[in-house]
Protein backbone atom coordinates (compact mmCIF):
# COMPACT_ATOMS: atom_id res chain seq x y z
CA MET A 1 0.02 -0.03 -0.01
CA ALA A 2 1.48 3.33 -1.05
CA ARG A 3 2.12 5.92 1.63
CA ARG A 4 0.17 9.17 1.31
CA ARG A 5 2.41 12.13 0.83
CA SER A 6 2.09 14.88 3.43
CA SER A 7 0.76 18.18 2.14
CA ARG A 8 2.91 20.08 4.61
CA PRO A 9 5.96 21.82 3.01
CA LEU A 10 9.38 20.55 3.98
CA PRO A 11 11.36 22.87 6.34
CA ARG A 12 13.91 24.95 4.61
CA PRO A 13 17.55 24.36 5.56
CA LEU A 14 19.05 26.91 7.91
CA PRO A 15 21.41 29.40 6.25
CA ARG A 16 25.08 28.64 6.79
CA VAL A 17 26.81 31.08 9.19
CA SER A 18 30.38 31.86 8.43
CA ALA A 19 32.94 34.05 10.10
CA PRO A 20 33.75 37.39 8.53
CA VAL A 21 36.41 37.16 5.89
CA THR A 22 39.83 38.39 7.10
CA SER A 23 43.35 38.02 5.85
CA GLY A 24 43.46 34.42 6.92
CA HIS A 25 44.05 35.10 10.61
CA HIS A 26 42.15 33.94 13.68
CA GLN A 27 39.89 36.19 15.67
CA GLY A 28 41.70 39.33 16.57
CA GLY A 29 42.20 40.76 20.07
CA LEU A 30 44.08 43.35 22.05
CA GLU A 31 46.23 42.57 25.04
CA VAL A 32 47.88 45.41 27.05
CA VAL A 33 50.59 44.88 29.63
CA VAL A 34 51.36 47.93 31.79
CA GLY A 35 53.14 48.86 34.99
CA SER A 36 56.02 50.99 36.28
CA MET A 37 59.55 50.74 35.06
CA PHE A 38 61.33 47.54 36.20
CA SER A 39 58.06 45.69 36.53
CA GLY A 40 58.79 43.22 33.74
CA LYS A 41 56.55 44.61 30.93
CA SER A 42 59.08 43.96 28.13
CA GLU A 43 59.89 40.58 29.58
CA GLU A 44 56.19 39.62 29.43
CA LEU A 45 55.86 40.90 25.87
CA ILE A 46 58.88 38.83 24.85
CA ARG A 47 57.50 35.73 26.57
CA ARG A 48 54.14 36.01 24.79
CA VAL A 49 55.62 36.61 21.27
CA ARG A 50 58.02 33.67 21.80
CA ARG A 51 55.12 31.42 22.64
CA ALA A 52 53.42 32.64 19.47
CA VAL A 53 56.53 31.63 17.47
CA ILE A 54 56.47 28.20 19.09
CA ALA A 55 52.86 27.94 18.05
CA ARG A 56 53.99 28.64 14.43
CA ARG A 57 52.43 32.02 14.24
CA THR A 58 54.10 34.74 12.17
CA VAL A 59 55.18 37.49 14.50
CA GLN A 60 56.31 41.08 14.08
CA VAL A 61 57.34 43.36 16.93
CA PHE A 62 57.59 47.18 16.71
CA LYS A 63 58.99 49.88 18.95
CA PRO A 64 59.38 53.65 18.81
CA ALA A 65 62.61 54.75 17.17
CA ILE A 66 63.37 57.16 20.01
CA ASP A 67 63.93 54.20 22.38
CA ASP A 68 67.50 53.10 21.45
CA ARG A 69 68.66 52.22 24.97
CA PHE A 70 69.32 48.56 24.22
CA GLY A 71 69.97 48.53 20.45
CA ILE A 72 68.16 49.89 17.41
CA GLU A 73 66.44 46.69 16.38
CA LEU A 74 65.88 44.92 19.72
CA VAL A 75 63.25 44.77 22.49
CA ARG A 76 65.11 44.03 25.65
CA SER A 77 64.04 43.47 29.17
CA HIS A 78 66.02 44.72 32.19
CA ASP A 79 66.99 41.08 32.80
CA GLY A 80 68.71 41.01 29.42
CA ASP A 81 66.19 39.01 27.42
CA THR A 82 65.78 40.22 23.83
CA PHE A 83 63.60 39.85 20.77
CA VAL A 84 63.98 41.38 17.33
CA ALA A 85 61.93 44.54 16.81
CA ARG A 86 61.44 46.97 14.05
CA PRO A 87 61.89 50.70 15.10
CA VAL A 88 59.37 53.05 13.66
CA ARG A 89 59.00 56.89 13.77
CA SER A 90 55.24 56.95 13.61
CA SER A 91 52.37 54.53 14.18
CA ALA A 92 51.43 54.70 10.51
CA GLU A 93 54.75 52.96 9.67
CA ILE A 94 53.50 49.86 11.40
CA LEU A 95 50.81 49.29 8.78
CA ALA A 96 53.26 50.13 5.99
CA LEU A 97 55.82 47.58 7.23
CA LEU A 98 53.34 44.81 8.22
CA SER A 99 53.62 41.51 6.30
CA PRO A 100 50.28 40.07 5.09
CA GLU A 101 51.00 36.74 6.74
CA THR A 102 51.65 38.29 10.23
CA SER A 103 49.10 37.14 12.73
CA VAL A 104 50.65 38.45 15.99
CA VAL A 105 51.85 42.01 16.38
CA GLY A 106 53.82 43.21 19.41
CA VAL A 107 54.28 46.90 20.29
CA ASP A 108 56.78 47.83 22.99
CA GLU A 109 56.96 51.17 24.78
CA VAL A 110 53.54 51.99 23.38
CA GLN A 111 53.28 55.10 25.54
CA PHE A 112 55.73 56.90 23.25
CA PHE A 113 53.62 56.53 20.11
CA ASP A 114 51.45 59.23 18.62
CA PRO A 115 47.69 59.19 19.26
CA ALA A 116 47.07 57.51 15.89
CA ILE A 117 48.40 54.20 17.41
CA VAL A 118 44.89 53.68 18.73
CA GLY A 119 43.39 53.58 15.19
CA VAL A 120 46.28 51.43 13.98
CA VAL A 121 45.62 48.90 16.77
CA ARG A 122 41.88 48.95 15.98
CA ASP A 123 42.63 48.14 12.31
CA LEU A 124 44.97 45.35 13.16
CA VAL A 125 42.49 43.69 15.54
CA ALA A 126 39.63 44.17 13.06
CA ASP A 127 41.69 42.30 10.47
CA GLY A 128 41.91 39.32 12.82
CA ARG A 129 45.35 39.90 14.29
CA ARG A 130 46.42 39.44 17.84
CA VAL A 131 48.00 42.67 19.16
CA ILE A 132 50.12 42.76 22.31
CA CYS A 133 51.06 46.26 23.64
CA ALA A 134 53.43 46.85 26.50
CA GLY A 135 54.18 50.21 28.12
CA LEU A 136 53.97 52.58 31.05
CA ASP A 137 50.40 53.43 32.15
CA LEU A 138 51.66 56.39 34.23
CA ASP A 139 54.35 58.96 33.50
CA PHE A 140 56.91 60.05 36.10
CA ARG A 141 54.39 62.48 37.55
CA GLY A 142 51.91 59.72 38.17
CA GLU A 143 49.54 60.92 35.40
CA PRO A 144 48.04 58.75 32.61
CA PHE A 145 50.57 58.38 29.88
CA GLY A 146 49.79 59.16 26.21
CA PRO A 147 47.46 56.73 24.32
CA VAL A 148 47.76 53.97 26.98
CA PRO A 149 44.44 54.81 28.84
CA THR A 150 42.46 54.43 25.63
CA LEU A 151 44.17 51.16 24.75
CA LEU A 152 43.43 49.85 28.20
CA ALA A 153 39.72 50.62 27.69
CA LEU A 154 39.68 48.80 24.31
CA ALA A 155 41.65 45.75 25.39
CA GLU A 156 40.25 42.20 25.82
CA ARG A 157 42.99 41.45 28.32
CA VAL A 158 44.85 43.84 30.65
CA ASP A 159 47.74 42.91 32.96
CA LYS A 160 49.15 45.49 35.38
CA LEU A 161 52.52 44.39 36.68
CA GLU A 162 54.25 45.61 39.83
CA ALA A 163 57.92 46.22 40.65
CA ILE A 164 59.56 46.53 44.10
CA CYS A 165 59.74 50.00 45.69
CA VAL A 166 63.48 50.74 46.17
CA VAL A 167 62.71 52.86 49.23
CA CYS A 168 60.47 50.66 51.38
CA GLY A 169 60.34 47.30 49.55
CA GLU A 170 56.57 47.32 49.00
CA SER A 171 54.92 46.72 45.64
CA ALA A 172 55.72 49.61 43.32
CA THR A 173 53.29 51.04 40.70
CA ARG A 174 54.98 54.41 40.09
CA THR A 175 58.09 55.45 38.19
CA GLN A 176 60.37 57.94 40.06
CA ARG A 177 62.54 60.13 37.78
CA ILE A 178 65.83 61.14 39.45
CA VAL A 179 67.80 64.14 38.14
CA ASN A 180 71.22 64.88 39.69
CA GLY A 181 70.32 62.67 42.69
CA VAL A 182 66.95 64.28 43.50
CA PRO A 183 63.40 63.73 42.23
CA ALA A 184 62.42 65.52 39.03
CA TYR A 185 59.99 68.45 39.22
CA TYR A 186 56.38 68.07 38.05
CA ASP A 187 56.76 70.48 35.19
CA ASP A 188 59.92 68.80 33.79
CA PRO A 189 59.60 67.28 30.27
CA ILE A 190 57.57 64.06 30.24
CA ILE A 191 59.57 62.07 27.68
CA VAL A 192 63.20 61.46 28.57
CA ILE A 193 64.69 58.11 27.57
CA GLY A 194 66.67 56.51 30.37
CA ALA A 195 67.21 53.39 32.39
CA GLN A 196 68.12 52.53 35.94
CA GLU A 197 70.52 55.50 36.37
CA ALA A 198 67.64 57.91 35.70
CA TYR A 199 64.51 56.11 37.09
CA GLU A 200 63.43 54.09 40.11
CA ALA A 201 60.38 51.96 40.87
CA ARG A 202 58.43 53.31 43.84
CA CYS A 203 55.15 52.73 45.63
CA ARG A 204 52.49 55.44 45.86
CA THR A 205 53.69 56.53 49.31
CA CYS A 206 57.39 56.92 48.38
CA HIS A 207 56.77 58.45 44.98
CA VAL A 208 57.83 62.11 45.17
CA VAL A 209 56.96 64.80 42.61
CA PRO A 210 57.94 68.26 43.84
CA ARG A 211 56.60 71.41 42.31
CA ARG A 212 58.91 74.32 41.67
CA ALA A 213 58.67 76.99 44.34
CA ARG A 214 57.26 80.36 43.46
CA SER A 215 59.34 83.36 44.36
CA GLY A 216 59.69 83.60 48.09
CA SER A 217 58.18 80.15 48.92
CA ALA A 218 59.59 76.68 49.48
CA ALA A 219 59.15 73.86 46.99
CA THR A 220 56.18 71.66 47.53
CA SER A 221 55.88 67.86 46.94
CA GLU A 222 53.01 65.62 45.87
CA THR A 223 53.77 63.36 48.82
CA ALA A 224 55.32 63.73 52.31
CA SER A 225 57.82 61.01 51.56
CA PRO A 226 61.60 61.56 52.10
CA GLU A 227 63.15 62.88 48.90
CA ARG A 228 66.09 60.46 48.75
CA VAL A 229 67.45 57.98 46.32
CA SER A 230 67.75 54.51 47.59
CA SER A 231 70.87 52.49 46.86
CA ALA A 232 68.76 49.33 46.42
CA GLU A 233 68.61 48.03 42.89
CA PRO A 234 65.17 47.82 41.26
CA ARG A 235 63.98 44.39 40.23
CA ASP A 236 62.34 43.64 36.90
């Protein structure tokens, strides 16, 4: 006996959902590593890009050309660890120098880049790339540094590292600039490239930012901490 065909229409197949077309990379994302000097930011950046290399990802690392403390084409931690990096004079150069097959992009000392770095990072992430930025979140005055606050707000992952305060030994989140053996003034230039001889890691309490005295008055400080330079060596 023949079966009677149903008069109900067959359900239509569901449309196939596919990921947006990118340049062959995985889903993009932004990671930002911040902290004071000697907190291990560059060391952490190097660790992550090396893991990416082990995972057979194509990696490129960039840094601002003004940072030539440890070599023109190297990112180097204060512990001496290094990774090859391309120095650039503007954030736009990153896009110009980027290889199509690169899936992981590292940016060291991101606080020194121009404001356009935010748009560059957005473009890289939108194209499916993993972007890892490392830099200072606060300048020597304890104020937000350059484009870093915006990058922190946009990031999928944020890691704030701490150093050791050279004055009291507590966790340090501030960078103390030392000029001729004493703390730098608040109105001194923000960008001065230096290393241990010019900077120290300090906690909030021991971080000192004096303001220049007006005529006939004594200099004032942002904290009541002793304005001295510890002989202890900062740890990365």
